[in-house]
Amino acid sequence: MATLNDNQIEIYDEKGNKYLMEILLTFESEDYGATYAFIYDKSNPDEVILMKYKDDGSIEEVTNEEELNMGSEVLEAYNEDPKIQEIK
């Protein structure tokens, strides 16, 4: 994983294939004591993936149902924010 700039990140799958992903937003959760990022591929912007930064700086896809629910709430609030809608 490598952060290229404020809006892009390279990730690798289990086979070592590299993907350039866009970062939609990052946020911290005090409840889970972690930093998260919503990422997506420009070729498929409707498919947003919730990732979590690990202590060593790497990033992994979130699979925990409670964290996914929390992430859904954050993404919904983000999408409903009038200031964000003005920018889009």
PDB file of N, CA and C in Angstrom:
ATOM      1  N   MET A   1       0.841  -1.163   0.000  1.00  0.00           N
ATOM      2  CA  MET A   1       0.000   0.000   0.000  1.00  0.00           C
ATOM      3  C   MET A   1       0.883   1.221   0.000  1.00  0.00           C
ATOM      4  N   ALA A   2       0.530   2.192  -0.824  1.00  0.00           N
ATOM      5  CA  ALA A   2       1.261   3.451  -0.850  1.00  0.00           C
ATOM      6  C   ALA A   2       0.279   4.584  -1.086  1.00  0.00           C
ATOM      7  N   THR A   3       0.381   5.611  -0.272  1.00  0.00           N
ATOM      8  CA  THR A   3      -0.435   6.793  -0.493  1.00  0.00           C
ATOM      9  C   THR A   3       0.300   7.667  -1.490  1.00  0.00           C
ATOM     10  N   LEU A   4      -0.333   7.968  -2.611  1.00  0.00           N
ATOM     11  CA  LEU A   4       0.318   8.735  -3.658  1.00  0.00           C
ATOM     12  C   LEU A   4       0.138  10.230  -3.469  1.00  0.00           C
ATOM     13  N   ASN A   5      -1.034  10.624  -3.016  1.00  0.00           N
ATOM     14  CA  ASN A   5      -1.317  12.013  -2.695  1.00  0.00           C
ATOM     15  C   ASN A   5      -2.538  12.010  -1.789  1.00  0.00           C
ATOM     16  N   ASP A   6      -3.128  13.164  -1.562  1.00  0.00           N
ATOM     17  CA  ASP A   6      -4.257  13.231  -0.644  1.00  0.00           C
ATOM     18  C   ASP A   6      -5.489  12.489  -1.139  1.00  0.00           C
ATOM     19  N   ASN A   7      -5.549  12.181  -2.424  1.00  0.00           N
ATOM     20  CA  ASN A   7      -6.766  11.599  -2.989  1.00  0.00           C
ATOM     21  C   ASN A   7      -6.602  10.209  -3.588  1.00  0.00           C
ATOM     22  N   GLN A   8      -5.389   9.666  -3.600  1.00  0.00           N
ATOM     23  CA  GLN A   8      -5.183   8.369  -4.236  1.00  0.00           C
ATOM     24  C   GLN A   8      -4.344   7.453  -3.346  1.00  0.00           C
ATOM     25  N   ILE A   9      -4.569   6.158  -3.524  1.00  0.00           N
ATOM     26  CA  ILE A   9      -3.820   5.152  -2.782  1.00  0.00           C
ATOM     27  C   ILE A   9      -3.671   3.917  -3.664  1.00  0.00           C
ATOM     28  N   GLU A  10      -2.532   3.252  -3.565  1.00  0.00           N
ATOM     29  CA  GLU A  10      -2.331   1.985  -4.260  1.00  0.00           C
ATOM     30  C   GLU A  10      -2.602   0.864  -3.270  1.00  0.00           C
ATOM     31  N   ILE A  11      -3.401  -0.105  -3.695  1.00  0.00           N
ATOM     32  CA  ILE A  11      -3.628  -1.278  -2.867  1.00  0.00           C
ATOM     33  C   ILE A  11      -3.326  -2.520  -3.694  1.00  0.00           C
ATOM     34  N   TYR A  12      -3.096  -3.619  -3.007  1.00  0.00           N
ATOM     35  CA  TYR A  12      -2.772  -4.882  -3.657  1.00  0.00           C
ATOM     36  C   TYR A  12      -3.747  -5.949  -3.193  1.00  0.00           C
ATOM     37  N   ASP A  13      -4.151  -6.820  -4.096  1.00  0.00           N
ATOM     38  CA  ASP A  13      -4.996  -7.942  -3.699  1.00  0.00           C
ATOM     39  C   ASP A  13      -4.121  -9.112  -3.263  1.00  0.00           C
ATOM     40  N   GLU A  14      -4.761 -10.218  -2.907  1.00  0.00           N
ATOM     41  CA  GLU A  14      -4.034 -11.379  -2.395  1.00  0.00           C
ATOM     42  C   GLU A  14      -3.107 -12.004  -3.426  1.00  0.00           C
ATOM     43  N   LYS A  15      -3.321 -11.697  -4.707  1.00  0.00           N
ATOM     44  CA  LYS A  15      -2.462 -12.227  -5.770  1.00  0.00           C
ATOM     45  C   LYS A  15      -1.328 -11.270  -6.124  1.00  0.00           C
ATOM     46  N   GLY A  16      -1.287 -10.115  -5.459  1.00  0.00           N
ATOM     47  CA  GLY A  16      -0.236  -9.142  -5.724  1.00  0.00           C
ATOM     48  C   GLY A  16      -0.566  -8.148  -6.819  1.00  0.00           C
ATOM     49  N   ASN A  17      -1.791  -8.187  -7.339  1.00  0.00           N
ATOM     50  CA  ASN A  17      -2.202  -7.221  -8.361  1.00  0.00           C
ATOM     51  C   ASN A  17      -2.378  -5.854  -7.726  1.00  0.00           C
ATOM     52  N   LYS A  18      -1.874  -4.828  -8.393  1.00  0.00           N
ATOM     53  CA  LYS A  18      -1.910  -3.469  -7.872  1.00  0.00           C
ATOM     54  C   LYS A  18      -3.099  -2.717  -8.460  1.00  0.00           C
ATOM     55  N   TYR A  19      -3.771  -1.920  -7.607  1.00  0.00           N
ATOM     56  CA  TYR A  19      -4.902  -1.102  -8.040  1.00  0.00           C
ATOM     57  C   TYR A  19      -4.715   0.318  -7.538  1.00  0.00           C
ATOM     58  N   LEU A  20      -4.962   1.270  -8.400  1.00  0.00           N
ATOM     59  CA  LEU A  20      -4.943   2.671  -8.012  1.00  0.00           C
ATOM     60  C   LEU A  20      -6.369   3.062  -7.654  1.00  0.00           C
ATOM     61  N   MET A  21      -6.559   3.438  -6.410  1.00  0.00           N
ATOM     62  CA  MET A  21      -7.898   3.759  -5.904  1.00  0.00           C
ATOM     63  C   MET A  21      -7.958   5.227  -5.501  1.00  0.00           C
ATOM     64  N   GLU A  22      -9.138   5.772  -5.596  1.00  0.00           N
ATOM     65  CA  GLU A  22      -9.401   7.140  -5.160  1.00  0.00           C
ATOM     66  C   GLU A  22      -9.903   7.108  -3.721  1.00  0.00           C
ATOM     67  N   ILE A  23      -9.473   8.064  -2.923  1.00  0.00           N
ATOM     68  CA  ILE A  23      -9.952   8.177  -1.548  1.00  0.00           C
ATOM     69  C   ILE A  23     -11.096   9.173  -1.527  1.00  0.00           C
ATOM     70  N   LEU A  24     -12.275   8.697  -1.141  1.00  0.00           N
ATOM     71  CA  LEU A  24     -13.448   9.553  -1.050  1.00  0.00           C
ATOM     72  C   LEU A  24     -13.376  10.396   0.203  1.00  0.00           C
ATOM     73  N   LEU A  25     -13.135   9.746   1.344  1.00  0.00           N
ATOM     74  CA  LEU A  25     -12.994  10.455   2.609  1.00  0.00           C
ATOM     75  C   LEU A  25     -12.347   9.544   3.629  1.00  0.00           C
ATOM     76  N   THR A  26     -11.740  10.157   4.631  1.00  0.00           N
ATOM     77  CA  THR A  26     -11.189   9.419   5.760  1.00  0.00           C
ATOM     78  C   THR A  26     -11.828   9.968   7.025  1.00  0.00           C
ATOM     79  N   PHE A  27     -11.885   9.128   8.048  1.00  0.00           N
ATOM     80  CA  PHE A  27     -12.432   9.563   9.328  1.00  0.00           C
ATOM     81  C   PHE A  27     -11.888   8.685  10.443  1.00  0.00           C
ATOM     82  N   GLU A  28     -11.939   9.202  11.648  1.00  0.00           N
ATOM     83  CA  GLU A  28     -11.515   8.451  12.821  1.00  0.00           C
ATOM     84  C   GLU A  28     -12.726   8.084  13.652  1.00  0.00           C
ATOM     85  N   SER A  29     -12.668   6.915  14.267  1.00  0.00           N
ATOM     86  CA  SER A  29     -13.725   6.466  15.159  1.00  0.00           C
ATOM     87  C   SER A  29     -13.137   6.292  16.553  1.00  0.00           C
ATOM     88  N   GLU A  30     -13.632   7.071  17.495  1.00  0.00           N
ATOM     89  CA  GLU A  30     -13.205   6.906  18.882  1.00  0.00           C
ATOM     90  C   GLU A  30     -13.723   5.590  19.441  1.00  0.00           C
ATOM     91  N   ASP A  31     -14.913   5.172  19.018  1.00  0.00           N
ATOM     92  CA  ASP A  31     -15.492   3.919  19.502  1.00  0.00           C
ATOM     93  C   ASP A  31     -14.613   2.713  19.174  1.00  0.00           C
ATOM     94  N   TYR A  32     -14.018   2.723  17.995  1.00  0.00           N
ATOM     95  CA  TYR A  32     -13.207   1.593  17.564  1.00  0.00           C
ATOM     96  C   TYR A  32     -11.708   1.886  17.632  1.00  0.00           C
ATOM     97  N   GLY A  33     -11.356   3.130  17.972  1.00  0.00           N
ATOM     98  CA  GLY A  33      -9.951   3.493  18.088  1.00  0.00           C
ATOM     99  C   GLY A  33      -9.172   3.277  16.809  1.00  0.00           C
ATOM    100  N   ALA A  34      -9.788   3.642  15.678  1.00  0.00           N
ATOM    101  CA  ALA A  34      -9.157   3.386  14.386  1.00  0.00           C
ATOM    102  C   ALA A  34      -9.470   4.511  13.400  1.00  0.00           C
ATOM    103  N   THR A  35      -8.665   4.567  12.345  1.00  0.00           N
ATOM    104  CA  THR A  35      -8.881   5.493  11.242  1.00  0.00           C
ATOM    105  C   THR A  35      -9.337   4.679  10.037  1.00  0.00           C
ATOM    106  N   TYR A  36     -10.341   5.198   9.360  1.00  0.00           N
ATOM    107  CA  TYR A  36     -10.957   4.504   8.227  1.00  0.00           C
ATOM    108  C   TYR A  36     -10.887   5.375   6.976  1.00  0.00           C
ATOM    109  N   ALA A  37     -11.010   4.724   5.825  1.00  0.00           N
ATOM    110  CA  ALA A  37     -11.076   5.424   4.547  1.00  0.00           C
ATOM    111  C   ALA A  37     -12.095   4.732   3.655  1.00  0.00           C
ATOM    112  N   PHE A  38     -12.876   5.539   2.983  1.00  0.00           N
ATOM    113  CA  PHE A  38     -13.732   5.023   1.913  1.00  0.00           C
ATOM    114  C   PHE A  38     -12.960   5.212   0.626  1.00  0.00           C
ATOM    115  N   ILE A  39     -12.780   4.124  -0.127  1.00  0.00           N
ATOM    116  CA  ILE A  39     -12.053   4.196  -1.390  1.00  0.00           C
ATOM    117  C   ILE A  39     -12.920   3.636  -2.512  1.00  0.00           C
ATOM    118  N   TYR A  40     -12.553   4.006  -3.740  1.00  0.00           N
ATOM    119  CA  TYR A  40     -13.276   3.505  -4.906  1.00  0.00           C
ATOM    120  C   TYR A  40     -12.368   3.553  -6.121  1.00  0.00           C
ATOM    121  N   ASP A  41     -12.724   2.793  -7.117  1.00  0.00           N
ATOM    122  CA  ASP A  41     -12.027   2.770  -8.398  1.00  0.00           C
ATOM    123  C   ASP A  41     -12.746   3.752  -9.323  1.00  0.00           C
ATOM    124  N   LYS A  42     -11.990   4.613 -10.001  1.00  0.00           N
ATOM    125  CA  LYS A  42     -12.608   5.595 -10.904  1.00  0.00           C
ATOM    126  C   LYS A  42     -13.503   4.945 -11.953  1.00  0.00           C
ATOM    127  N   SER A  43     -13.166   3.729 -12.356  1.00  0.00           N
ATOM    128  CA  SER A  43     -13.964   3.060 -13.381  1.00  0.00           C
ATOM    129  C   SER A  43     -15.275   2.519 -12.819  1.00  0.00           C
ATOM    130  N   ASN A  44     -15.423   2.500 -11.494  1.00  0.00           N
ATOM    131  CA  ASN A  44     -16.639   2.016 -10.860  1.00  0.00           C
ATOM    132  C   ASN A  44     -16.908   2.841  -9.592  1.00  0.00           C
ATOM    133  N   PRO A  45     -17.228   4.126  -9.748  1.00  0.00           N
ATOM    134  CA  PRO A  45     -17.352   5.011  -8.584  1.00  0.00           C
ATOM    135  C   PRO A  45     -18.527   4.697  -7.659  1.00  0.00           C
ATOM    136  N   ASP A  46     -19.469   3.878  -8.109  1.00  0.00           N
ATOM    137  CA  ASP A  46     -20.606   3.539  -7.256  1.00  0.00           C
ATOM    138  C   ASP A  46     -20.267   2.456  -6.234  1.00  0.00           C
ATOM    139  N   GLU A  47     -19.164   1.770  -6.424  1.00  0.00           N
ATOM    140  CA  GLU A  47     -18.756   0.718  -5.488  1.00  0.00           C
ATOM    141  C   GLU A  47     -17.694   1.280  -4.542  1.00  0.00           C
ATOM    142  N   VAL A  48     -18.133   1.660  -3.355  1.00  0.00           N
ATOM    143  CA  VAL A  48     -17.265   2.253  -2.349  1.00  0.00           C
ATOM    144  C   VAL A  48     -16.899   1.170  -1.329  1.00  0.00           C
ATOM    145  N   ILE A  49     -15.626   1.111  -0.978  1.00  0.00           N
ATOM    146  CA  ILE A  49     -15.122   0.089  -0.058  1.00  0.00           C
ATOM    147  C   ILE A  49     -14.623   0.767   1.209  1.00  0.00           C
ATOM    148  N   LEU A  50     -15.003   0.233   2.363  1.00  0.00           N
ATOM    149  CA  LEU A  50     -14.534   0.750   3.642  1.00  0.00           C
ATOM    150  C   LEU A  50     -13.256   0.009   4.027  1.00  0.00           C
ATOM    151  N   MET A  51     -12.200   0.774   4.252  1.00  0.00           N
ATOM    152  CA  MET A  51     -10.906   0.228   4.644  1.00  0.00           C
ATOM    153  C   MET A  51     -10.526   0.780   6.016  1.00  0.00           C
ATOM    154  N   LYS A  52      -9.675   0.032   6.722  1.00  0.00           N
ATOM    155  CA  LYS A  52      -9.212   0.471   8.037  1.00  0.00           C
ATOM    156  C   LYS A  52      -7.689   0.465   8.045  1.00  0.00           C
ATOM    157  N   TYR A  53      -7.121   1.582   8.551  1.00  0.00           N
ATOM    158  CA  TYR A  53      -5.671   1.658   8.693  1.00  0.00           C
ATOM    159  C   TYR A  53      -5.258   0.862   9.921  1.00  0.00           C
ATOM    160  N   LYS A  54      -4.229   0.038   9.767  1.00  0.00           N
ATOM    161  CA  LYS A  54      -3.695  -0.748  10.874  1.00  0.00           C
ATOM    162  C   LYS A  54      -2.547   0.023  11.525  1.00  0.00           C
ATOM    163  N   ASP A  55      -2.124  -0.418  12.696  1.00  0.00           N
ATOM    164  CA  ASP A  55      -1.071   0.270  13.445  1.00  0.00           C
ATOM    165  C   ASP A  55       0.236   0.390  12.672  1.00  0.00           C
ATOM    166  N   ASP A  56       0.517  -0.568  11.797  1.00  0.00           N
ATOM    167  CA  ASP A  56       1.768  -0.534  11.032  1.00  0.00           C
ATOM    168  C   ASP A  56       1.682   0.342   9.778  1.00  0.00           C
ATOM    169  N   GLY A  57       0.538   1.025   9.589  1.00  0.00           N
ATOM    170  CA  GLY A  57       0.367   1.905   8.445  1.00  0.00           C
ATOM    171  C   GLY A  57      -0.249   1.243   7.236  1.00  0.00           C
ATOM    172  N   SER A  58      -0.396  -0.064   7.267  1.00  0.00           N
ATOM    173  CA  SER A  58      -1.054  -0.748   6.149  1.00  0.00           C
ATOM    174  C   SER A  58      -2.561  -0.551   6.264  1.00  0.00           C
ATOM    175  N   ILE A  59      -3.275  -1.002   5.260  1.00  0.00           N
ATOM    176  CA  ILE A  59      -4.719  -0.805   5.215  1.00  0.00           C
ATOM    177  C   ILE A  59      -5.371  -2.138   4.851  1.00  0.00           C
ATOM    178  N   GLU A  60      -6.531  -2.403   5.448  1.00  0.00           N
ATOM    179  CA  GLU A  60      -7.232  -3.645   5.158  1.00  0.00           C
ATOM    180  C   GLU A  60      -8.719  -3.365   5.011  1.00  0.00           C
ATOM    181  N   GLU A  61      -9.381  -4.195   4.220  1.00  0.00           N
ATOM    182  CA  GLU A  61     -10.817  -4.046   4.026  1.00  0.00           C
ATOM    183  C   GLU A  61     -11.553  -4.421   5.306  1.00  0.00           C
ATOM    184  N   VAL A  62     -12.566  -3.643   5.641  1.00  0.00           N
ATOM    185  CA  VAL A  62     -13.365  -3.902   6.835  1.00  0.00           C
ATOM    186  C   VAL A  62     -14.392  -4.984   6.511  1.00  0.00           C
ATOM    187  N   THR A  63     -14.445  -6.005   7.365  1.00  0.00           N
ATOM    188  CA  THR A  63     -15.420  -7.076   7.194  1.00  0.00           C
ATOM    189  C   THR A  63     -16.309  -7.237   8.424  1.00  0.00           C
ATOM    190  N   ASN A  64     -15.933  -6.604   9.525  1.00  0.00           N
ATOM    191  CA  ASN A  64     -16.702  -6.670  10.765  1.00  0.00           C
ATOM    192  C   ASN A  64     -18.033  -5.959  10.576  1.00  0.00           C
ATOM    193  N   GLU A  65     -19.127  -6.648  10.852  1.00  0.00           N
ATOM    194  CA  GLU A  65     -20.472  -6.109  10.608  1.00  0.00           C
ATOM    195  C   GLU A  65     -20.744  -4.818  11.377  1.00  0.00           C
ATOM    196  N   GLU A  66     -20.299  -4.735  12.618  1.00  0.00           N
ATOM    197  CA  GLU A  66     -20.524  -3.518  13.412  1.00  0.00           C
ATOM    198  C   GLU A  66     -19.787  -2.328  12.816  1.00  0.00           C
ATOM    199  N   GLU A  67     -18.544  -2.551  12.386  1.00  0.00           N
ATOM    200  CA  GLU A  67     -17.779  -1.479  11.763  1.00  0.00           C
ATOM    201  C   GLU A  67     -18.392  -1.084  10.419  1.00  0.00           C
ATOM    202  N   LEU A  68     -18.874  -2.070   9.664  1.00  0.00           N
ATOM    203  CA  LEU A  68     -19.521  -1.761   8.387  1.00  0.00           C
ATOM    204  C   LEU A  68     -20.781  -0.928   8.604  1.00  0.00           C
ATOM    205  N   ASN A  69     -21.559  -1.250   9.634  1.00  0.00           N
ATOM    206  CA  ASN A  69     -22.760  -0.462   9.943  1.00  0.00           C
ATOM    207  C   ASN A  69     -22.386   0.965  10.326  1.00  0.00           C
ATOM    208  N   MET A  70     -21.349   1.116  11.150  1.00  0.00           N
ATOM    209  CA  MET A  70     -20.883   2.439  11.520  1.00  0.00           C
ATOM    210  C   MET A  70     -20.434   3.203  10.282  1.00  0.00           C
ATOM    211  N   GLY A  71     -19.702   2.534   9.400  1.00  0.00           N
ATOM    212  CA  GLY A  71     -19.250   3.160   8.168  1.00  0.00           C
ATOM    213  C   GLY A  71     -20.406   3.579   7.281  1.00  0.00           C
ATOM    214  N   SER A  72     -21.446   2.764   7.216  1.00  0.00           N
ATOM    215  CA  SER A  72     -22.633   3.113   6.420  1.00  0.00           C
ATOM    216  C   SER A  72     -23.277   4.392   6.934  1.00  0.00           C
ATOM    217  N   GLU A  73     -23.326   4.534   8.247  1.00  0.00           N
ATOM    218  CA  GLU A  73     -23.891   5.751   8.840  1.00  0.00           C
ATOM    219  C   GLU A  73     -23.046   6.972   8.500  1.00  0.00           C
ATOM    220  N   VAL A  74     -21.726   6.821   8.551  1.00  0.00           N
ATOM    221  CA  VAL A  74     -20.829   7.930   8.203  1.00  0.00           C
ATOM    222  C   VAL A  74     -21.002   8.305   6.736  1.00  0.00           C
ATOM    223  N   LEU A  75     -21.045   7.315   5.863  1.00  0.00           N
ATOM    224  CA  LEU A  75     -21.191   7.578   4.428  1.00  0.00           C
ATOM    225  C   LEU A  75     -22.535   8.228   4.128  1.00  0.00           C
ATOM    226  N   GLU A  76     -23.579   7.787   4.790  1.00  0.00           N
ATOM    227  CA  GLU A  76     -24.900   8.387   4.600  1.00  0.00           C
ATOM    228  C   GLU A  76     -24.899   9.852   5.034  1.00  0.00           C
ATOM    229  N   ALA A  77     -24.298  10.137   6.186  1.00  0.00           N
ATOM    230  CA  ALA A  77     -24.213  11.527   6.664  1.00  0.00           C
ATOM    231  C   ALA A  77     -23.397  12.379   5.692  1.00  0.00           C
ATOM    232  N   TYR A  78     -22.323  11.822   5.176  1.00  0.00           N
ATOM    233  CA  TYR A  78     -21.484  12.518   4.200  1.00  0.00           C
ATOM    234  C   TYR A  78     -22.298  12.852   2.947  1.00  0.00           C
ATOM    235  N   ASN A  79     -23.029  11.878   2.440  1.00  0.00           N
ATOM    236  CA  ASN A  79     -23.810  12.078   1.219  1.00  0.00           C
ATOM    237  C   ASN A  79     -24.976  13.034   1.407  1.00  0.00           C
ATOM    238  N   GLU A  80     -25.448  13.194   2.633  1.00  0.00           N
ATOM    239  CA  GLU A  80     -26.577  14.089   2.899  1.00  0.00           C
ATOM    240  C   GLU A  80     -26.134  15.489   3.311  1.00  0.00           C
ATOM    241  N   ASP A  81     -24.856  15.696   3.539  1.00  0.00           N
ATOM    242  CA  ASP A  81     -24.350  16.992   3.969  1.00  0.00           C
ATOM    243  C   ASP A  81     -24.541  18.016   2.852  1.00  0.00           C
ATOM    244  N   PRO A  82     -25.282  19.103   3.123  1.00  0.00           N
ATOM    245  CA  PRO A  82     -25.534  20.094   2.068  1.00  0.00           C
ATOM    246  C   PRO A  82     -24.254  20.728   1.516  1.00  0.00           C
ATOM    247  N   LYS A  83     -23.244  20.915   2.340  1.00  0.00           N
ATOM    248  CA  LYS A  83     -21.996  21.489   1.859  1.00  0.00           C
ATOM    249  C   LYS A  83     -21.310  20.554   0.875  1.00  0.00           C
ATOM    250  N   ILE A  84     -21.370  19.264   1.136  1.00  0.00           N
ATOM    251  CA  ILE A  84     -20.797  18.282   0.226  1.00  0.00           C
ATOM    252  C   ILE A  84     -21.574  18.287  -1.088  1.00  0.00           C
ATOM    253  N   GLN A  85     -22.876  18.376  -1.020  1.00  0.00           N
ATOM    254  CA  GLN A  85     -23.715  18.380  -2.212  1.00  0.00           C
ATOM    255  C   GLN A  85     -23.393  19.580  -3.103  1.00  0.00           C
ATOM    256  N   GLU A  86     -23.065  20.735  -2.492  1.00  0.00           N
ATOM    257  CA  GLU A  86     -22.698  21.910  -3.275  1.00  0.00           C
ATOM    258  C   GLU A  86     -21.422  21.669  -4.064  1.00  0.00           C
ATOM    259  N   ILE A  87     -20.474  20.951  -3.470  1.00  0.00           N
ATOM    260  CA  ILE A  87     -19.190  20.681  -4.108  1.00  0.00           C
ATOM    261  C   ILE A  87     -19.347  19.716  -5.266  1.00  0.00           C
ATOM    262  N   LYS A  88     -20.217  18.725  -5.091  1.00  0.00           N
ATOM    263  CA  LYS A  88     -20.428  17.712  -6.132  1.00  0.00           C
ATOM    264  C   LYS A  88     -21.013  18.380  -7.322  1.00  0.00           C
TER     265      LYS A  88
END
